[in-house]
Protein backbone atom coordinates (compact mmCIF):
# COMPACT_ATOMS: atom_id res chain seq x y z
CA MET A 1 39.07 11.22 74.13
CA ALA A 2 36.33 9.03 75.61
CA ASN A 3 36.79 10.47 79.11
CA ALA A 4 36.67 14.00 77.73
CA ARG A 5 33.41 13.24 75.91
CA ASP A 6 31.69 12.02 79.09
CA SER A 7 33.03 14.95 81.13
CA LEU A 8 31.94 17.54 78.58
CA LYS A 9 28.45 16.10 78.46
CA HIS A 10 28.27 16.56 82.23
CA VAL A 11 29.69 20.09 82.02
CA ASP A 12 27.15 20.99 79.33
CA GLY A 13 24.32 19.85 81.60
CA ILE A 14 25.49 22.04 84.47
CA ALA A 15 26.96 25.09 82.73
CA GLY A 16 24.52 25.34 79.84
CA THR A 17 27.28 25.03 77.24
CA ASN A 18 27.29 23.02 74.00
CA LEU A 19 30.87 21.75 73.99
CA HIS A 20 30.14 18.01 73.80
CA ALA A 21 28.85 18.24 70.22
CA ARG A 22 31.93 20.25 69.18
CA LEU A 23 34.25 17.67 70.73
CA LEU A 24 32.45 14.85 68.87
CA GLN A 25 33.20 16.62 65.59
CA ALA A 26 36.83 17.22 66.55
CA ASP A 27 37.20 13.63 67.77
CA GLU A 28 35.84 12.30 64.47
CA LYS A 29 38.30 14.44 62.54
CA TYR A 30 41.12 13.32 64.83
CA LEU A 31 40.42 9.62 64.21
CA ASP A 32 40.05 10.13 60.44
CA VAL A 33 43.27 12.13 60.12
CA LEU A 34 45.15 9.75 62.40
CA ASN A 35 44.11 6.74 60.34
CA GLU A 36 44.94 8.52 57.09
CA SER A 37 48.33 9.62 58.39
CA ARG A 38 49.15 6.06 59.45
CA THR A 39 48.34 4.83 55.95
CA ALA A 40 50.51 7.57 54.46
CA ALA A 41 53.35 6.78 56.85
CA ASN A 42 53.18 3.11 55.89
CA LYS A 43 53.45 4.03 52.21
CA LEU A 44 56.45 6.25 52.91
CA TYR A 45 58.01 3.48 54.98
CA SER A 46 57.61 1.11 52.06
CA VAL A 47 59.51 3.52 49.77
CA ILE A 48 62.28 4.05 52.34
CA ASN A 49 62.52 0.32 53.00
CA THR A 50 63.00 -0.29 49.29
CA PHE A 51 65.82 2.26 49.29
CA VAL A 52 67.53 0.53 52.22
CA THR A 53 67.08 -3.05 51.09
CA VAL A 54 67.42 -2.65 47.32
CA ILE A 55 69.01 0.67 46.31
CA LEU A 56 71.80 0.83 48.89
CA PRO A 57 73.14 -2.65 48.05
CA ILE A 58 73.23 -1.66 44.36
CA ALA A 59 74.96 1.64 45.21
CA GLN A 60 77.65 -0.32 47.04
CA ASP A 61 78.11 -2.89 44.30
CA THR A 62 81.24 -1.88 42.32
CA GLN A 63 80.38 -4.11 39.38
CA TYR A 64 78.05 -1.34 38.24
CA PRO A 65 79.50 1.89 36.82
CA LEU A 66 79.65 4.77 39.32
CA ALA A 67 77.54 7.08 37.16
CA GLN A 68 74.82 4.44 36.93
CA ARG A 69 74.83 3.90 40.70
CA LEU A 70 74.63 7.64 41.37
CA GLU A 71 71.69 7.94 38.99
CA ILE A 72 69.84 5.09 40.73
CA VAL A 73 70.41 6.65 44.17
CA LYS A 74 69.33 10.10 42.96
CA SER A 75 66.17 8.70 41.35
CA SER A 76 65.28 6.79 44.52
CA ALA A 77 65.93 9.84 46.73
CA ASP A 78 63.66 11.96 44.52
CA LYS A 79 60.97 9.32 44.82
CA ILE A 80 61.22 9.37 48.62
CA ALA A 81 61.00 13.18 48.71
CA HIS A 82 57.98 13.14 46.41
CA SER A 83 56.27 10.49 48.54
CA ALA A 84 56.93 12.51 51.69
CA LYS A 85 55.40 15.67 50.24
CA GLU A 86 52.45 13.76 48.80
CA HIS A 87 51.58 11.69 51.85
CA LEU A 88 52.83 13.52 54.94
CA HIS A 89 52.68 17.27 54.44
CA PRO A 90 48.88 17.41 53.85
CA TYR A 91 48.35 15.72 57.22
CA ASP A 92 50.63 18.24 58.87
CA ARG A 93 48.12 20.92 57.81
CA LYS A 94 45.17 18.78 58.88
CA PHE A 95 46.61 18.23 62.34
CA SER A 96 47.31 21.96 62.61
CA ALA A 97 43.65 22.65 61.83
CA LEU A 98 42.59 20.06 64.39
CA SER A 99 44.82 21.71 66.98
CA GLY A 100 43.01 24.97 66.24
CA ASN A 101 39.64 23.31 66.89
CA LEU A 102 40.85 21.96 70.22
CA GLU A 103 42.30 25.37 71.14
CA ASP A 104 38.85 26.86 70.56
CA LEU A 105 37.31 24.21 72.81
CA LYS A 106 39.87 24.92 75.50
CA SER A 107 39.16 28.65 75.28
CA SER A 108 35.44 27.95 75.65
CA LEU A 109 36.15 25.89 78.75
CA VAL A 110 38.19 28.73 80.24
CA GLU A 111 35.26 31.09 79.63
CA ALA A 112 32.82 28.57 81.13
CA ASP A 113 35.01 28.33 84.22
CA LYS A 114 34.99 32.12 84.65
CA ARG A 115 31.24 32.32 84.11
CA MET A 116 30.50 29.48 86.55
CA ARG A 117 32.53 31.21 89.24
CA LYS A 118 30.96 34.60 88.61
CA ASP A 119 27.33 33.67 87.84
CA ALA A 120 26.90 30.63 90.07
CA GLN A 121 29.58 29.97 92.68
CA GLU A 122 29.93 33.51 94.04
CA PRO A 123 26.17 34.26 94.12
CA LEU A 124 25.52 30.94 95.87
CA LYS A 125 28.05 31.86 98.56
CA ASP A 126 26.21 35.16 99.04
CA LEU A 127 22.89 33.31 99.22
CA MET A 128 24.23 30.93 101.87
CA SER A 129 25.39 33.93 103.90
CA GLU A 130 21.90 35.40 103.57
CA ILE A 131 20.31 32.13 104.74
CA GLU A 132 22.64 32.02 107.73
CA SER A 133 21.74 35.61 108.59
CA ILE A 134 18.01 34.77 108.48
CA GLU A 135 18.61 31.76 110.73
CA ASP A 136 20.66 33.78 113.23
CA ASN A 137 17.99 36.47 113.40
CA LEU A 138 15.32 33.80 113.82
CA LYS A 139 17.15 32.24 116.78
CA GLN A 140 17.55 35.65 118.43
CA ASN A 141 13.90 36.63 117.91
CA THR A 142 12.39 34.98 120.97
CA LYS A 143 8.86 36.03 120.02
CA ILE A 144 9.10 33.69 117.03
CA PHE A 145 11.67 31.11 118.11
CA ASP A 146 9.95 30.29 121.41
CA ARG A 147 6.75 29.43 119.53
CA LEU A 148 8.48 26.70 117.55
CA SER A 149 8.24 23.06 118.49
CA SER A 150 11.37 21.20 119.56
CA LYS A 151 11.43 19.50 116.18
CA ALA A 152 11.34 22.83 114.39
CA LYS A 153 14.17 24.15 116.55
CA GLU A 154 16.13 20.98 115.81
CA LEU A 155 15.50 21.52 112.13
CA ILE A 156 17.03 24.99 112.27
CA SER A 157 20.13 23.57 113.98
CA THR A 158 20.67 20.49 111.80
CA PHE A 159 19.11 21.65 108.50
CA GLU A 160 17.72 18.18 108.03
CA GLU A 161 14.00 17.49 107.83
CA PRO A 162 12.96 15.10 110.66
CA SER A 163 10.26 12.65 109.61
CA GLN A 164 8.02 13.94 112.39
CA LEU A 165 8.07 17.50 111.04
CA LYS A 166 6.74 17.75 107.51
CA ALA A 167 5.34 20.76 105.74
CA PRO A 168 1.56 20.63 105.22
CA ALA A 169 0.41 19.76 101.73
CA SER A 170 -0.60 23.38 101.22
CA ALA A 171 2.82 24.71 102.21
CA LYS A 172 5.04 26.03 99.47
CA THR A 173 8.25 24.05 99.94
CA PRO A 174 10.88 24.59 97.21
CA ALA A 175 11.69 21.58 95.08
CA PRO A 176 15.27 20.29 95.15
CA ILE A 177 17.58 21.88 92.60
CA THR A 178 18.79 19.13 90.31
CA PRO A 179 21.54 19.18 87.69
CA ALA A 180 20.32 19.42 84.12
CA VAL A 181 21.90 16.10 83.17
CA GLN A 182 18.70 14.18 82.85
CA SER A 183 17.17 12.13 80.08
CA LYS A 184 14.26 14.52 79.60
CA PRO A 185 14.44 18.31 79.62
CA PRO A 186 12.73 20.09 82.53
CA PRO A 187 9.32 21.64 81.84
CA ALA A 188 9.29 25.22 80.68
CA ALA A 189 9.06 27.77 83.46
CA PRO A 190 6.01 29.98 83.86
CA LYS A 191 6.72 33.39 82.43
CA ASN A 192 5.03 35.23 85.28
CA THR A 193 7.33 34.14 88.12
CA GLN A 194 11.00 34.17 88.94
CA GLU A 195 10.77 31.40 91.51
CA LYS A 196 10.98 28.56 89.00
CA VAL A 197 13.33 29.16 86.11
CA GLU A 198 14.14 26.55 83.50
CA GLY A 199 17.87 26.26 83.00
CA ASN A 200 21.12 24.79 84.21
CA ILE A 201 22.27 25.18 87.79
CA GLY A 202 25.46 26.92 86.67
CA THR A 203 23.65 29.88 85.14
CA SER A 204 22.77 33.29 86.51
CA ALA A 205 19.05 32.66 85.86
CA THR A 206 19.01 29.82 88.37
CA SER A 207 20.92 31.88 90.96
CA SER A 208 18.37 34.66 90.44
CA ALA A 209 15.50 32.22 91.03
CA ILE A 210 17.04 30.99 94.29
CA PHE A 211 17.73 34.59 95.36
CA THR A 212 14.04 35.41 94.91
CA GLY A 213 13.04 32.52 97.17
CA VAL A 214 15.59 33.48 99.84
CA LYS A 215 14.44 37.11 99.72
CA MET A 216 10.83 36.04 100.29
CA LEU A 217 11.87 33.92 103.27
CA GLY A 218 13.83 36.83 104.71
CA ASN A 219 10.83 39.13 104.33
CA PHE A 220 8.63 36.58 106.11
CA PHE A 221 10.85 35.95 109.13
CA GLU A 222 12.12 39.50 109.54
CA GLY A 223 8.78 41.17 109.04
CA GLU A 224 5.36 41.06 110.69
CA ALA A 225 4.25 37.96 108.78
CA ALA A 226 6.06 35.49 111.04
CA LEU A 227 4.72 37.15 114.20
CA SER A 228 1.12 36.85 113.04
CA ALA A 229 1.45 33.47 111.33
CA LYS A 230 -0.29 30.41 112.72
CA GLN A 231 1.79 27.56 114.11
CA LYS A 232 1.49 25.30 111.06
CA GLU A 233 2.38 28.09 108.65
CA LEU A 234 5.33 29.18 110.76
CA GLU A 235 6.77 25.69 110.97
CA ALA A 236 6.14 25.13 107.27
CA LYS A 237 8.31 28.18 106.61
CA VAL A 238 11.02 26.71 108.82
CA VAL A 239 10.92 23.57 106.68
CA GLU A 240 11.17 25.74 103.60
CA LEU A 241 14.13 27.64 105.06
CA ALA A 242 16.03 24.45 105.91
CA THR A 243 15.22 22.87 102.55
CA THR A 244 16.43 25.96 100.72
CA ARG A 245 19.70 25.91 102.65
CA LYS A 246 20.18 22.22 101.88
CA ASN A 247 19.52 22.80 98.19
CA ILE A 248 21.98 25.68 98.07
CA ALA A 249 24.63 23.55 99.77
CA GLU A 250 24.09 20.67 97.33
CA THR A 251 24.09 23.00 94.34
CA SER A 252 27.27 24.70 95.54
CA ALA A 253 28.97 21.31 95.88
CA GLU A 254 27.88 20.37 92.37
CA ILE A 255 29.18 23.65 90.96
CA ALA A 256 32.53 23.21 92.74
CA ALA A 257 32.86 19.67 91.34
CA VAL A 258 32.16 20.86 87.80
CA ILE A 259 34.73 23.65 88.11
CA VAL A 260 37.32 21.00 89.06
CA GLU A 261 36.15 18.91 86.10
CA ILE A 262 36.56 21.86 83.75
CA SER A 263 40.10 22.44 85.05
CA THR A 264 40.95 18.78 84.36
CA LEU A 265 39.56 19.06 80.83
CA ILE A 266 41.61 22.19 80.14
CA LYS A 267 44.79 20.34 81.15
CA MET A 268 43.77 17.33 79.06
CA PHE A 269 43.22 19.43 75.93
CA SER A 270 46.51 21.24 76.49
CA GLY A 271 48.28 17.86 76.50
CA ILE A 272 46.56 16.70 73.32
CA ILE A 273 47.34 19.98 71.57
CA GLY A 274 50.98 19.60 72.59
CA LYS A 275 51.13 16.10 71.09
CA LEU A 276 49.62 17.34 67.85
CA GLY A 277 52.27 20.06 67.78
CA HIS A 278 54.97 17.37 68.02
CA PHE A 279 53.53 15.71 64.92
CA GLY A 280 53.82 18.98 63.05
CA ALA A 281 57.40 19.52 64.18
CA ILE A 282 58.41 16.05 62.99
CA TRP A 283 56.68 16.32 59.63
CA ASN A 284 58.16 19.75 58.99
CA LYS A 285 61.59 18.10 59.05
CA VAL A 286 60.64 15.83 56.18
CA PRO A 287 62.15 17.25 52.93
């Protein structure tokens, strides 16, 4: 389950879940039970091998009385049945319990998938539509658009930040949104603002923080502020608008990739659970 461990760690960082630690516990149990069951199977094999190589030849040897041969076979068969119950059946129950743990993990992944779509993917689509609406209105508002430099107009079209057009040091340009899969946790967010929220990019809190920034940009460009703003401030806001769009696009791509990753993990766990079920079916046939 090495691949699953790495994937779940990544999913935890984006979705704000804690599934990696649960998988580590299940994986440890899986390895322990698997090793124990192999030891038990080897012991049972030894008993069965003795029956085949020693008992059967005696049972077929007519120099021994029939009653004696039947007694030897019966005694050996009882020993095999006892060994099977002692060594195999307990592991049947352990694998069933392990299957239950993995079913819980799979259910949690299904819930994470639903939450990521509802709290992150769908709101980000709405935010991108809002950004596009602001940009369209900006292009149509000649009183503002005609004041922009050619580089600023290019920025609106390409959504890339040309090296010649940088926001002034005093401008409030949003920082890139990065996945929470980093070696150190992000600093705690100030409690008096919604613009910077500590958390994972797949959570509703982060979407809310981005929404606040987009709303403020919309108010600026669609209100009187942009008309009365000085050239540097206006172009700094254009940089902020393009940067916000870029961040939303990158975040949306990251969310989409994690949703695919979650789907792959769900299928993987379903396969493992199925294999564990086969173990149980086989062991249940042992007398």
